[in-house]
Amino acid sequence: MENQEITEIQPNIIIGEDYDGWINLSAWKSFESRNGFYGSKDSDKKSDGIIKAHIIGESVDYVHILSQSQFNAIKFLKENSEKIRDSLLNGLLEDYPNAKDIYEDLMPEIKTISDYKDNLGVAFIHVMDSDKDNHAYIGFELGCSWDDEHGVGVMMHKDRVVKIGLADESFNHWNCYHDNGTAKYEQGKWESTQELKHQNRKNWWEFWR
């Protein structure tokens, strides 16, 4: 099952903690091909729309599956790729003044969303294990001309932009938690885990007992 198109995976199938596959999104054809290391350009030719995809398996009864919410999100992405693309690019366009302040002369002149075609491309999509309204969050990790090292990350829920930032925002769980209202619960879980680790940690001199 490894490295298949993720639209072919059915819900509740065991996929493991992390699953790598791909998805064909025609909406991203003619954008830059960003299949190199860390989202770098791998070709002067434009993208063919085939994008690497990473799914974080949802933990259920000690196994990791593709949840129904993840299946719904992938289906929505496939069927609405142009609408999602335009929403994402409009989000970047709204954020353009902020990016221009940060990158100054490195930032190309962007006036319309079509201007992004020659300046970025999708390197990965990340299907998260958090959801809202029965649809998982999906992060877009993009390589771009103005930041070869850090790229751009956009967290989406269906066709809505949740967060824009550097590439790591595309797989930052806390973007999902803050958006779906589970941040306080997840923070409590994290603190409990850290406390348990601390309780079970031996002092250095106890290893010789």
N, C-alpha and C. Protein backbone atom coordinates (compact mmCIF):
# COMPACT_ATOMS: atom_id res chain seq x y z
N MET A 1 0.82 -1.21 0.00
CA MET A 1 0.00 0.00 0.00
C MET A 1 0.86 1.26 0.00
N GLU A 2 2.14 1.09 0.26
CA GLU A 2 3.03 2.24 0.38
C GLU A 2 3.13 2.99 -0.95
N ASN A 3 3.13 4.31 -0.87
CA ASN A 3 3.35 5.19 -2.01
C ASN A 3 2.27 5.05 -3.08
N GLN A 4 1.02 4.97 -2.67
CA GLN A 4 -0.07 4.99 -3.62
C GLN A 4 -0.77 6.34 -3.54
N GLU A 5 -1.66 6.60 -4.50
CA GLU A 5 -2.41 7.84 -4.42
C GLU A 5 -3.33 7.77 -3.21
N ILE A 6 -3.29 8.80 -2.39
CA ILE A 6 -3.98 8.73 -1.10
C ILE A 6 -5.50 8.74 -1.26
N THR A 7 -6.00 9.14 -2.43
CA THR A 7 -7.45 9.10 -2.66
C THR A 7 -7.96 7.67 -2.74
N GLU A 8 -7.06 6.70 -2.92
CA GLU A 8 -7.47 5.30 -3.05
C GLU A 8 -7.58 4.59 -1.70
N ILE A 9 -7.10 5.23 -0.64
CA ILE A 9 -7.12 4.60 0.69
C ILE A 9 -8.50 4.79 1.31
N GLN A 10 -9.06 3.70 1.78
CA GLN A 10 -10.40 3.75 2.37
C GLN A 10 -10.30 4.06 3.87
N PRO A 11 -11.36 4.64 4.44
CA PRO A 11 -11.34 4.97 5.88
C PRO A 11 -11.25 3.71 6.74
N ASN A 12 -10.61 3.88 7.91
CA ASN A 12 -10.45 2.84 8.92
C ASN A 12 -9.45 1.76 8.54
N ILE A 13 -8.69 1.98 7.46
CA ILE A 13 -7.61 1.08 7.08
C ILE A 13 -6.36 1.44 7.89
N ILE A 14 -5.65 0.43 8.40
CA ILE A 14 -4.41 0.69 9.15
C ILE A 14 -3.34 1.18 8.19
N ILE A 15 -2.78 2.35 8.46
CA ILE A 15 -1.75 2.93 7.60
C ILE A 15 -0.43 3.16 8.34
N GLY A 16 -0.42 2.97 9.66
CA GLY A 16 0.78 3.24 10.44
C GLY A 16 0.80 4.67 10.94
N GLU A 17 1.77 4.96 11.77
CA GLU A 17 1.86 6.28 12.39
C GLU A 17 2.08 7.38 11.37
N ASP A 18 2.87 7.08 10.34
CA ASP A 18 3.14 8.03 9.26
C ASP A 18 3.03 7.29 7.94
N TYR A 19 2.31 7.87 7.00
CA TYR A 19 2.14 7.24 5.69
C TYR A 19 2.51 8.25 4.61
N ASP A 20 3.34 7.83 3.67
CA ASP A 20 3.75 8.69 2.57
C ASP A 20 3.19 8.16 1.26
N GLY A 21 2.50 9.02 0.54
CA GLY A 21 1.95 8.69 -0.76
C GLY A 21 1.98 9.91 -1.66
N TRP A 22 1.00 10.04 -2.51
CA TRP A 22 0.94 11.19 -3.42
C TRP A 22 -0.51 11.47 -3.79
N ILE A 23 -0.73 12.64 -4.38
CA ILE A 23 -2.06 13.01 -4.86
C ILE A 23 -1.90 13.85 -6.12
N ASN A 24 -2.79 13.66 -7.05
CA ASN A 24 -2.77 14.42 -8.31
C ASN A 24 -3.77 15.56 -8.21
N LEU A 25 -3.26 16.78 -8.15
CA LEU A 25 -4.10 17.97 -8.04
C LEU A 25 -3.88 18.84 -9.27
N SER A 26 -4.79 18.76 -10.22
CA SER A 26 -4.62 19.48 -11.49
C SER A 26 -4.56 21.00 -11.29
N ALA A 27 -5.13 21.49 -10.20
CA ALA A 27 -5.14 22.93 -9.94
C ALA A 27 -3.73 23.50 -9.80
N TRP A 28 -2.76 22.64 -9.45
CA TRP A 28 -1.40 23.11 -9.22
C TRP A 28 -0.48 22.88 -10.42
N LYS A 29 -1.05 22.40 -11.54
CA LYS A 29 -0.27 22.33 -12.77
C LYS A 29 0.10 23.74 -13.21
N SER A 30 1.26 23.88 -13.79
CA SER A 30 1.81 25.15 -14.30
C SER A 30 2.43 26.01 -13.21
N PHE A 31 2.34 25.57 -11.95
CA PHE A 31 3.13 26.21 -10.89
C PHE A 31 4.53 25.59 -10.90
N GLU A 32 5.43 26.10 -10.09
CA GLU A 32 6.79 25.56 -10.06
C GLU A 32 6.80 24.13 -9.55
N SER A 33 7.72 23.33 -10.09
CA SER A 33 7.92 21.97 -9.61
C SER A 33 8.87 22.03 -8.42
N ARG A 34 8.38 21.63 -7.26
CA ARG A 34 9.13 21.79 -6.01
C ARG A 34 9.33 20.44 -5.31
N ASN A 35 9.88 19.48 -6.04
CA ASN A 35 10.09 18.14 -5.49
C ASN A 35 11.51 17.89 -5.03
N GLY A 36 12.33 18.95 -4.94
CA GLY A 36 13.69 18.81 -4.46
C GLY A 36 13.75 18.80 -2.94
N PHE A 37 14.97 18.75 -2.41
CA PHE A 37 15.14 18.77 -0.96
C PHE A 37 14.58 20.06 -0.37
N TYR A 38 13.84 19.91 0.73
CA TYR A 38 13.26 21.05 1.45
C TYR A 38 12.45 21.96 0.54
N GLY A 39 11.75 21.36 -0.43
CA GLY A 39 10.89 22.14 -1.30
C GLY A 39 11.61 22.95 -2.35
N SER A 40 12.85 22.58 -2.65
CA SER A 40 13.59 23.30 -3.68
C SER A 40 13.12 22.90 -5.07
N LYS A 41 13.41 23.72 -6.06
CA LYS A 41 13.04 23.41 -7.44
C LYS A 41 13.85 22.21 -7.92
N ASP A 42 13.17 21.26 -8.53
CA ASP A 42 13.86 20.07 -9.06
C ASP A 42 13.88 20.07 -10.58
N SER A 43 13.23 21.07 -11.19
CA SER A 43 13.17 21.12 -12.64
C SER A 43 12.76 22.51 -13.09
N ASP A 44 13.21 22.89 -14.28
CA ASP A 44 12.75 24.15 -14.87
C ASP A 44 11.38 23.99 -15.51
N LYS A 45 10.96 22.74 -15.68
CA LYS A 45 9.63 22.48 -16.20
C LYS A 45 8.60 22.74 -15.10
N LYS A 46 7.39 23.06 -15.52
CA LYS A 46 6.33 23.32 -14.56
C LYS A 46 5.82 22.02 -13.94
N SER A 47 5.16 22.14 -12.80
CA SER A 47 4.63 20.97 -12.10
C SER A 47 3.57 20.26 -12.95
N ASP A 48 3.55 18.93 -12.83
CA ASP A 48 2.51 18.14 -13.51
C ASP A 48 1.30 17.91 -12.61
N GLY A 49 1.32 18.51 -11.42
CA GLY A 49 0.19 18.40 -10.50
C GLY A 49 0.27 17.24 -9.53
N ILE A 50 1.29 16.38 -9.70
CA ILE A 50 1.46 15.26 -8.77
C ILE A 50 2.28 15.74 -7.57
N ILE A 51 1.69 15.63 -6.39
CA ILE A 51 2.27 16.21 -5.18
C ILE A 51 2.45 15.13 -4.12
N LYS A 52 3.60 15.16 -3.47
CA LYS A 52 3.85 14.21 -2.38
C LYS A 52 2.93 14.51 -1.20
N ALA A 53 2.43 13.45 -0.58
CA ALA A 53 1.48 13.60 0.52
C ALA A 53 1.92 12.79 1.72
N HIS A 54 1.75 13.38 2.89
CA HIS A 54 2.10 12.72 4.15
C HIS A 54 0.87 12.71 5.04
N ILE A 55 0.50 11.52 5.50
CA ILE A 55 -0.67 11.38 6.38
C ILE A 55 -0.19 10.98 7.78
N ILE A 56 -0.67 11.70 8.78
CA ILE A 56 -0.42 11.32 10.17
C ILE A 56 -1.56 10.41 10.60
N GLY A 57 -1.27 9.12 10.76
CA GLY A 57 -2.32 8.17 11.10
C GLY A 57 -2.97 8.49 12.44
N GLU A 58 -4.28 8.35 12.50
CA GLU A 58 -5.00 8.62 13.75
C GLU A 58 -4.93 7.40 14.67
N SER A 59 -4.55 7.63 15.92
CA SER A 59 -4.38 6.54 16.88
C SER A 59 -5.73 6.05 17.39
N VAL A 60 -6.00 4.75 17.16
CA VAL A 60 -7.23 4.11 17.63
C VAL A 60 -6.89 2.70 18.09
N ASP A 61 -7.09 2.43 19.38
CA ASP A 61 -6.87 1.08 19.92
C ASP A 61 -5.48 0.54 19.56
N TYR A 62 -4.46 1.34 19.79
CA TYR A 62 -3.06 0.93 19.64
C TYR A 62 -2.61 0.76 18.19
N VAL A 63 -3.44 1.13 17.23
CA VAL A 63 -3.01 1.14 15.83
C VAL A 63 -3.30 2.53 15.26
N HIS A 64 -2.77 2.79 14.06
CA HIS A 64 -2.98 4.08 13.42
C HIS A 64 -3.69 3.87 12.09
N ILE A 65 -4.80 4.55 11.93
CA ILE A 65 -5.65 4.35 10.76
C ILE A 65 -5.86 5.65 9.99
N LEU A 66 -6.41 5.52 8.79
CA LEU A 66 -6.95 6.68 8.08
C LEU A 66 -8.37 6.89 8.60
N SER A 67 -8.59 7.98 9.30
CA SER A 67 -9.90 8.22 9.91
C SER A 67 -10.91 8.65 8.85
N GLN A 68 -12.18 8.59 9.22
CA GLN A 68 -13.23 9.06 8.32
C GLN A 68 -13.06 10.55 8.03
N SER A 69 -12.64 11.32 9.04
CA SER A 69 -12.43 12.76 8.85
C SER A 69 -11.29 13.02 7.87
N GLN A 70 -10.24 12.22 7.94
CA GLN A 70 -9.14 12.36 6.99
C GLN A 70 -9.59 11.98 5.58
N PHE A 71 -10.34 10.91 5.48
CA PHE A 71 -10.89 10.49 4.18
C PHE A 71 -11.76 11.61 3.60
N ASN A 72 -12.61 12.21 4.43
CA ASN A 72 -13.48 13.29 3.97
C ASN A 72 -12.66 14.48 3.48
N ALA A 73 -11.59 14.81 4.21
CA ALA A 73 -10.76 15.95 3.84
C ALA A 73 -10.03 15.72 2.52
N ILE A 74 -9.52 14.51 2.33
CA ILE A 74 -8.84 14.18 1.08
C ILE A 74 -9.82 14.24 -0.09
N LYS A 75 -11.01 13.71 0.11
CA LYS A 75 -12.05 13.74 -0.93
C LYS A 75 -12.42 15.19 -1.26
N PHE A 76 -12.57 16.02 -0.24
CA PHE A 76 -12.90 17.43 -0.45
C PHE A 76 -11.78 18.12 -1.21
N LEU A 77 -10.54 17.81 -0.85
CA LEU A 77 -9.38 18.41 -1.52
C LEU A 77 -9.37 18.04 -3.00
N LYS A 78 -9.59 16.78 -3.29
CA LYS A 78 -9.56 16.31 -4.68
C LYS A 78 -10.67 16.96 -5.51
N GLU A 79 -11.84 17.09 -4.93
CA GLU A 79 -13.00 17.59 -5.66
C GLU A 79 -13.06 19.12 -5.73
N ASN A 80 -12.28 19.79 -4.88
CA ASN A 80 -12.34 21.26 -4.82
C ASN A 80 -10.96 21.88 -4.89
N SER A 81 -10.05 21.26 -5.64
CA SER A 81 -8.65 21.70 -5.62
C SER A 81 -8.47 23.13 -6.11
N GLU A 82 -9.24 23.56 -7.09
CA GLU A 82 -9.10 24.93 -7.60
C GLU A 82 -9.60 25.95 -6.58
N LYS A 83 -10.72 25.64 -5.95
CA LYS A 83 -11.28 26.54 -4.93
C LYS A 83 -10.32 26.67 -3.75
N ILE A 84 -9.74 25.55 -3.34
CA ILE A 84 -8.79 25.55 -2.23
C ILE A 84 -7.53 26.30 -2.62
N ARG A 85 -7.03 26.05 -3.83
CA ARG A 85 -5.83 26.76 -4.31
C ARG A 85 -6.05 28.26 -4.29
N ASP A 86 -7.17 28.72 -4.82
CA ASP A 86 -7.42 30.16 -4.89
C ASP A 86 -7.57 30.77 -3.50
N SER A 87 -8.19 30.05 -2.59
CA SER A 87 -8.31 30.54 -1.22
C SER A 87 -6.93 30.67 -0.58
N LEU A 88 -6.09 29.66 -0.79
CA LEU A 88 -4.73 29.69 -0.25
C LEU A 88 -3.94 30.87 -0.82
N LEU A 89 -4.00 31.04 -2.14
CA LEU A 89 -3.24 32.11 -2.79
C LEU A 89 -3.77 33.49 -2.40
N ASN A 90 -5.07 33.62 -2.24
CA ASN A 90 -5.63 34.89 -1.78
C ASN A 90 -5.18 35.20 -0.36
N GLY A 91 -5.02 34.14 0.45
CA GLY A 91 -4.48 34.33 1.80
C GLY A 91 -3.05 34.84 1.75
N LEU A 92 -2.25 34.27 0.85
CA LEU A 92 -0.87 34.75 0.69
C LEU A 92 -0.85 36.19 0.19
N LEU A 93 -1.76 36.52 -0.72
CA LEU A 93 -1.81 37.88 -1.26
C LEU A 93 -2.17 38.88 -0.17
N GLU A 94 -3.10 38.51 0.71
CA GLU A 94 -3.45 39.38 1.84
C GLU A 94 -2.28 39.56 2.79
N ASP A 95 -1.46 38.52 2.90
CA ASP A 95 -0.30 38.55 3.79
C ASP A 95 0.92 39.17 3.12
N TYR A 96 0.80 39.53 1.84
CA TYR A 96 1.95 40.02 1.07
C TYR A 96 2.65 41.21 1.72
N PRO A 97 1.93 42.24 2.22
CA PRO A 97 2.64 43.36 2.85
C PRO A 97 3.53 42.92 4.01
N ASN A 98 3.06 41.97 4.80
CA ASN A 98 3.86 41.45 5.91
C ASN A 98 5.10 40.74 5.39
N ALA A 99 4.93 39.90 4.35
CA ALA A 99 6.07 39.19 3.76
C ALA A 99 7.06 40.18 3.15
N LYS A 100 6.55 41.23 2.53
CA LYS A 100 7.42 42.25 1.91
C LYS A 100 8.25 42.96 2.98
N ASP A 101 7.65 43.24 4.13
CA ASP A 101 8.39 43.87 5.23
C ASP A 101 9.53 42.98 5.72
N ILE A 102 9.29 41.67 5.72
CA ILE A 102 10.29 40.73 6.23
C ILE A 102 11.40 40.49 5.21
N TYR A 103 11.01 40.23 3.97
CA TYR A 103 11.99 39.80 2.96
C TYR A 103 12.52 40.94 2.10
N GLU A 104 11.87 42.10 2.15
CA GLU A 104 12.31 43.29 1.43
C GLU A 104 12.57 42.99 -0.05
N ASP A 105 13.79 43.21 -0.52
CA ASP A 105 14.08 43.07 -1.95
C ASP A 105 14.04 41.62 -2.44
N LEU A 106 14.09 40.66 -1.52
CA LEU A 106 14.00 39.26 -1.92
C LEU A 106 12.59 38.88 -2.37
N MET A 107 11.62 39.68 -1.95
CA MET A 107 10.22 39.38 -2.26
C MET A 107 9.87 39.88 -3.65
N PRO A 108 9.43 38.99 -4.54
CA PRO A 108 9.07 39.42 -5.89
C PRO A 108 7.80 40.28 -5.86
N GLU A 109 7.58 41.01 -6.93
CA GLU A 109 6.38 41.83 -7.02
C GLU A 109 5.18 40.93 -7.35
N ILE A 110 4.23 40.94 -6.46
CA ILE A 110 3.03 40.12 -6.62
C ILE A 110 1.81 41.04 -6.55
N LYS A 111 1.04 41.08 -7.63
CA LYS A 111 -0.16 41.92 -7.66
C LYS A 111 -1.45 41.12 -7.71
N THR A 112 -1.37 39.93 -8.33
CA THR A 112 -2.54 39.06 -8.41
C THR A 112 -2.10 37.64 -8.04
N ILE A 113 -3.06 36.77 -7.78
CA ILE A 113 -2.69 35.41 -7.38
C ILE A 113 -2.00 34.66 -8.52
N SER A 114 -2.24 35.05 -9.76
CA SER A 114 -1.58 34.38 -10.89
C SER A 114 -0.08 34.66 -10.90
N ASP A 115 0.35 35.75 -10.26
CA ASP A 115 1.78 36.08 -10.19
C ASP A 115 2.56 35.06 -9.36
N TYR A 116 1.86 34.28 -8.54
CA TYR A 116 2.55 33.28 -7.73
C TYR A 116 3.00 32.07 -8.56
N LYS A 117 2.45 31.90 -9.76
CA LYS A 117 2.75 30.71 -10.56
C LYS A 117 4.24 30.54 -10.82
N ASP A 118 4.94 31.63 -11.03
CA ASP A 118 6.37 31.57 -11.34
C ASP A 118 7.24 31.74 -10.10
N ASN A 119 6.63 31.70 -8.93
CA ASN A 119 7.40 31.97 -7.71
C ASN A 119 7.22 30.93 -6.61
N LEU A 120 6.35 29.97 -6.81
CA LEU A 120 6.18 28.94 -5.78
C LEU A 120 5.53 27.69 -6.36
N GLY A 121 5.56 26.64 -5.55
CA GLY A 121 4.91 25.38 -5.90
C GLY A 121 4.76 24.55 -4.64
N VAL A 122 3.85 23.59 -4.67
CA VAL A 122 3.60 22.74 -3.50
C VAL A 122 4.62 21.62 -3.44
N ALA A 123 5.30 21.50 -2.31
CA ALA A 123 6.27 20.42 -2.09
C ALA A 123 5.62 19.21 -1.43
N PHE A 124 4.78 19.46 -0.44
CA PHE A 124 4.08 18.39 0.29
C PHE A 124 2.71 18.89 0.69
N ILE A 125 1.78 17.95 0.85
CA ILE A 125 0.60 18.24 1.65
C ILE A 125 0.64 17.32 2.86
N HIS A 126 0.20 17.83 3.99
CA HIS A 126 0.21 17.08 5.24
C HIS A 126 -1.23 16.90 5.71
N VAL A 127 -1.69 15.67 5.75
CA VAL A 127 -3.04 15.38 6.25
C VAL A 127 -2.92 15.13 7.75
N MET A 128 -3.45 16.05 8.53
CA MET A 128 -3.28 16.02 9.97
C MET A 128 -4.25 15.03 10.63
N ASP A 129 -3.97 14.69 11.88
CA ASP A 129 -4.85 13.79 12.63
C ASP A 129 -5.81 14.55 13.54
N SER A 130 -5.96 15.84 13.29
CA SER A 130 -6.94 16.67 14.01
C SER A 130 -8.03 17.09 13.03
N ASP A 131 -9.24 17.26 13.55
CA ASP A 131 -10.33 17.59 12.65
C ASP A 131 -11.28 18.61 13.26
N LYS A 132 -12.18 19.07 12.41
CA LYS A 132 -13.26 19.96 12.81
C LYS A 132 -14.41 19.72 11.82
N ASP A 133 -15.61 19.57 12.34
CA ASP A 133 -16.78 19.34 11.49
C ASP A 133 -16.57 18.15 10.54
N ASN A 134 -15.96 17.09 11.08
CA ASN A 134 -15.78 15.84 10.34
C ASN A 134 -14.85 15.95 9.13
N HIS A 135 -13.99 16.97 9.12
CA HIS A 135 -12.98 17.10 8.08
C HIS A 135 -11.63 17.41 8.75
N ALA A 136 -10.63 16.63 8.41
CA ALA A 136 -9.29 16.85 8.97
C ALA A 136 -8.67 18.12 8.38
N TYR A 137 -7.72 18.65 9.10
CA TYR A 137 -6.93 19.78 8.60
C TYR A 137 -5.89 19.25 7.61
N ILE A 138 -5.59 20.07 6.61
CA ILE A 138 -4.56 19.73 5.63
C ILE A 138 -3.59 20.91 5.52
N GLY A 139 -2.31 20.61 5.68
CA GLY A 139 -1.28 21.63 5.57
C GLY A 139 -0.60 21.58 4.21
N PHE A 140 -0.34 22.74 3.65
CA PHE A 140 0.37 22.86 2.38
C PHE A 140 1.77 23.41 2.65
N GLU A 141 2.77 22.60 2.33
CA GLU A 141 4.17 23.02 2.45
C GLU A 141 4.65 23.41 1.05
N LEU A 142 5.01 24.67 0.90
CA LEU A 142 5.38 25.19 -0.41
C LEU A 142 6.82 25.66 -0.44
N GLY A 143 7.49 25.40 -1.56
CA GLY A 143 8.77 26.02 -1.83
C GLY A 143 8.53 27.33 -2.54
N CYS A 144 9.36 28.33 -2.28
CA CYS A 144 9.13 29.64 -2.88
C CYS A 144 10.44 30.31 -3.26
N SER A 145 10.34 31.31 -4.13
CA SER A 145 11.54 31.97 -4.65
C SER A 145 12.18 32.92 -3.65
N TRP A 146 11.44 33.36 -2.63
CA TRP A 146 11.97 34.37 -1.72
C TRP A 146 12.55 33.79 -0.43
N ASP A 147 12.39 32.50 -0.19
CA ASP A 147 12.99 31.88 0.99
C ASP A 147 13.26 30.41 0.69
N ASP A 148 14.43 30.13 0.11
CA ASP A 148 14.78 28.77 -0.29
C ASP A 148 14.92 27.84 0.91
N GLU A 149 15.29 28.39 2.06
CA GLU A 149 15.55 27.56 3.22
C GLU A 149 14.29 27.19 3.99
N HIS A 150 13.41 28.17 4.21
CA HIS A 150 12.27 27.95 5.09
C HIS A 150 10.94 27.79 4.37
N GLY A 151 10.85 28.25 3.13
CA GLY A 151 9.63 28.09 2.36
C GLY A 151 8.42 28.78 2.98
N VAL A 152 7.25 28.29 2.61
CA VAL A 152 5.98 28.83 3.10
C VAL A 152 5.12 27.66 3.57
N GLY A 153 4.42 27.86 4.67
CA GLY A 153 3.48 26.85 5.16
C GLY A 153 2.10 27.46 5.34
N VAL A 154 1.09 26.75 4.87
CA VAL A 154 -0.29 27.20 5.04
C VAL A 154 -1.12 26.05 5.57
N MET A 155 -1.73 26.26 6.73
CA MET A 155 -2.66 25.26 7.27
C MET A 155 -4.07 25.61 6.81
N MET A 156 -4.76 24.60 6.26
CA MET A 156 -6.10 24.81 5.74
C MET A 156 -7.10 23.90 6.44
N HIS A 157 -8.33 24.37 6.54
CA HIS A 157 -9.45 23.50 6.90
C HIS A 157 -10.48 23.65 5.80
N LYS A 158 -10.66 22.57 5.04
CA LYS A 158 -11.48 22.61 3.82
C LYS A 158 -10.92 23.71 2.91
N ASP A 159 -11.69 24.76 2.61
CA ASP A 159 -11.16 25.82 1.74
C ASP A 159 -10.87 27.11 2.52
N ARG A 160 -10.67 26.97 3.82
CA ARG A 160 -10.42 28.13 4.69
C ARG A 160 -8.97 28.14 5.17
N VAL A 161 -8.33 29.29 5.06
CA VAL A 161 -6.96 29.45 5.56
C VAL A 161 -7.00 29.59 7.08
N VAL A 162 -6.23 28.74 7.76
CA VAL A 162 -6.15 28.77 9.22
C VAL A 162 -4.91 29.53 9.68
N LYS A 163 -3.79 29.28 9.02
CA LYS A 163 -2.52 29.88 9.46
C LYS A 163 -1.56 29.96 8.28
N ILE A 164 -0.83 31.07 8.19
CA ILE A 164 0.22 31.26 7.19
C ILE A 164 1.52 31.57 7.91
N GLY A 165 2.60 30.96 7.47
CA GLY A 165 3.91 31.23 8.06
C GLY A 165 4.99 30.52 7.29
N LEU A 166 6.04 30.12 7.99
CA LEU A 166 7.10 29.34 7.37
C LEU A 166 6.61 27.91 7.16
N ALA A 167 7.42 27.12 6.47
CA ALA A 167 6.99 25.78 6.06
C ALA A 167 6.49 24.93 7.22
N ASP A 168 7.10 25.08 8.41
CA ASP A 168 6.72 24.21 9.53
C ASP A 168 5.30 24.48 10.04
N GLU A 169 4.70 25.60 9.63
CA GLU A 169 3.31 25.84 10.03
C GLU A 169 2.35 24.87 9.33
N SER A 170 2.82 24.24 8.25
CA SER A 170 1.96 23.32 7.51
C SER A 170 1.77 21.99 8.22
N PHE A 171 2.59 21.71 9.23
CA PHE A 171 2.42 20.48 10.01
C PHE A 171 2.47 20.74 11.51
N ASN A 172 2.18 21.96 11.91
CA ASN A 172 2.15 22.34 13.32
C ASN A 172 0.78 21.99 13.91
N HIS A 173 0.76 20.98 14.79
CA HIS A 173 -0.49 20.51 15.37
C HIS A 173 -1.24 21.61 16.11
N TRP A 174 -0.50 22.54 16.71
CA TRP A 174 -1.15 23.55 17.54
C TRP A 174 -2.00 24.50 16.71
N ASN A 175 -1.71 24.66 15.43
CA ASN A 175 -2.59 25.45 14.57
C ASN A 175 -3.99 24.83 14.53
N CYS A 176 -4.01 23.50 14.49
CA CYS A 176 -5.30 22.78 14.49
C CYS A 176 -5.98 22.88 15.84
N TYR A 177 -5.21 22.68 16.91
CA TYR A 177 -5.79 22.69 18.26
C TYR A 177 -6.41 24.04 18.60
N HIS A 178 -5.72 25.11 18.23
CA HIS A 178 -6.25 26.44 18.53
C HIS A 178 -7.51 26.72 17.71
N ASP A 179 -7.54 26.18 16.50
CA ASP A 179 -8.69 26.45 15.63
C ASP A 179 -9.92 25.64 16.01
N ASN A 180 -9.72 24.39 16.43
CA ASN A 180 -10.89 23.55 16.73
C ASN A 180 -11.27 23.54 18.22
N GLY A 181 -10.55 24.35 19.01
CA GLY A 181 -10.93 24.52 20.41
C GLY A 181 -10.41 23.46 21.37
N THR A 182 -9.43 22.66 20.94
CA THR A 182 -8.91 21.60 21.80
C THR A 182 -7.56 21.94 22.41
N ALA A 183 -7.09 23.18 22.24
CA ALA A 183 -5.74 23.54 22.69
C ALA A 183 -5.56 23.33 24.20
N LYS A 184 -6.55 23.72 25.00
CA LYS A 184 -6.43 23.57 26.45
C LYS A 184 -6.34 22.10 26.83
N TYR A 185 -7.16 21.27 26.20
CA TYR A 185 -7.14 19.83 26.47
C TYR A 185 -5.80 19.22 26.06
N GLU A 186 -5.31 19.58 24.88
CA GLU A 186 -4.04 19.03 24.40
C GLU A 186 -2.87 19.51 25.25
N GLN A 187 -2.94 20.76 25.74
CA GLN A 187 -1.90 21.27 26.62
C GLN A 187 -1.88 20.47 27.92
N GLY A 188 -3.05 20.16 28.45
CA GLY A 188 -3.13 19.35 29.66
C GLY A 188 -2.57 17.96 29.45
N LYS A 189 -2.85 17.35 28.31
CA LYS A 189 -2.30 16.03 27.98
C LYS A 189 -0.79 16.08 27.92
N TRP A 190 -0.28 17.12 27.27
CA TRP A 190 1.18 17.25 27.12
C TRP A 190 1.84 17.43 28.49
N GLU A 191 1.25 18.26 29.34
CA GLU A 191 1.82 18.50 30.67
C GLU A 191 1.79 17.23 31.51
N SER A 192 0.72 16.45 31.40
CA SER A 192 0.62 15.18 32.15
C SER A 192 1.69 14.20 31.69
N THR A 193 1.93 14.15 30.38
CA THR A 193 2.96 13.27 29.84
C THR A 193 4.34 13.67 30.32
N GLN A 194 4.60 14.99 30.31
CA GLN A 194 5.90 15.47 30.77
C GLN A 194 6.11 15.19 32.25
N GLU A 195 5.05 15.34 33.04
CA GLU A 195 5.13 15.08 34.48
C GLU A 195 5.41 13.60 34.74
N LEU A 196 4.77 12.73 33.98
CA LEU A 196 4.98 11.29 34.12
C LEU A 196 6.41 10.92 33.75
N LYS A 197 6.93 11.52 32.69
CA LYS A 197 8.31 11.27 32.31
C LYS A 197 9.27 11.70 33.41
N HIS A 198 8.97 12.84 34.01
CA HIS A 198 9.82 13.37 35.08
C HIS A 198 9.79 12.44 36.29
N GLN A 199 8.62 11.91 36.61
CA GLN A 199 8.49 11.01 37.77
C GLN A 199 9.25 9.71 37.55
N ASN A 200 9.29 9.25 36.31
CA ASN A 200 9.94 7.98 36.00
C ASN A 200 11.43 8.12 35.72
N ARG A 201 11.90 9.36 35.67
CA ARG A 201 13.32 9.59 35.37
C ARG A 201 14.16 9.36 36.62
N LYS A 202 15.19 8.57 36.49
CA LYS A 202 16.09 8.31 37.61
C LYS A 202 17.15 9.41 37.70
N ASN A 203 17.59 9.68 38.92
CA ASN A 203 18.77 10.53 39.09
C ASN A 203 19.99 9.77 38.59
N TRP A 204 21.02 10.49 38.20
CA TRP A 204 22.16 9.84 37.55
C TRP A 204 22.83 8.82 38.46
N TRP A 205 22.83 9.07 39.78
CA TRP A 205 23.52 8.13 40.68
C TRP A 205 22.70 6.85 40.91
N GLU A 206 21.42 6.88 40.56
CA GLU A 206 20.58 5.70 40.78
C GLU A 206 20.81 4.61 39.75
N PHE A 207 21.46 4.95 38.64
CA PHE A 207 21.72 3.95 37.61
C PHE A 207 22.74 2.91 38.07
N TRP A 208 23.52 3.23 39.11
CA TRP A 208 24.55 2.30 39.60
C TRP A 208 24.06 1.49 40.80
N ARG A 209 22.81 1.64 41.17
CA ARG A 209 22.28 0.88 42.31
C ARG A 209 21.88 -0.53 41.88
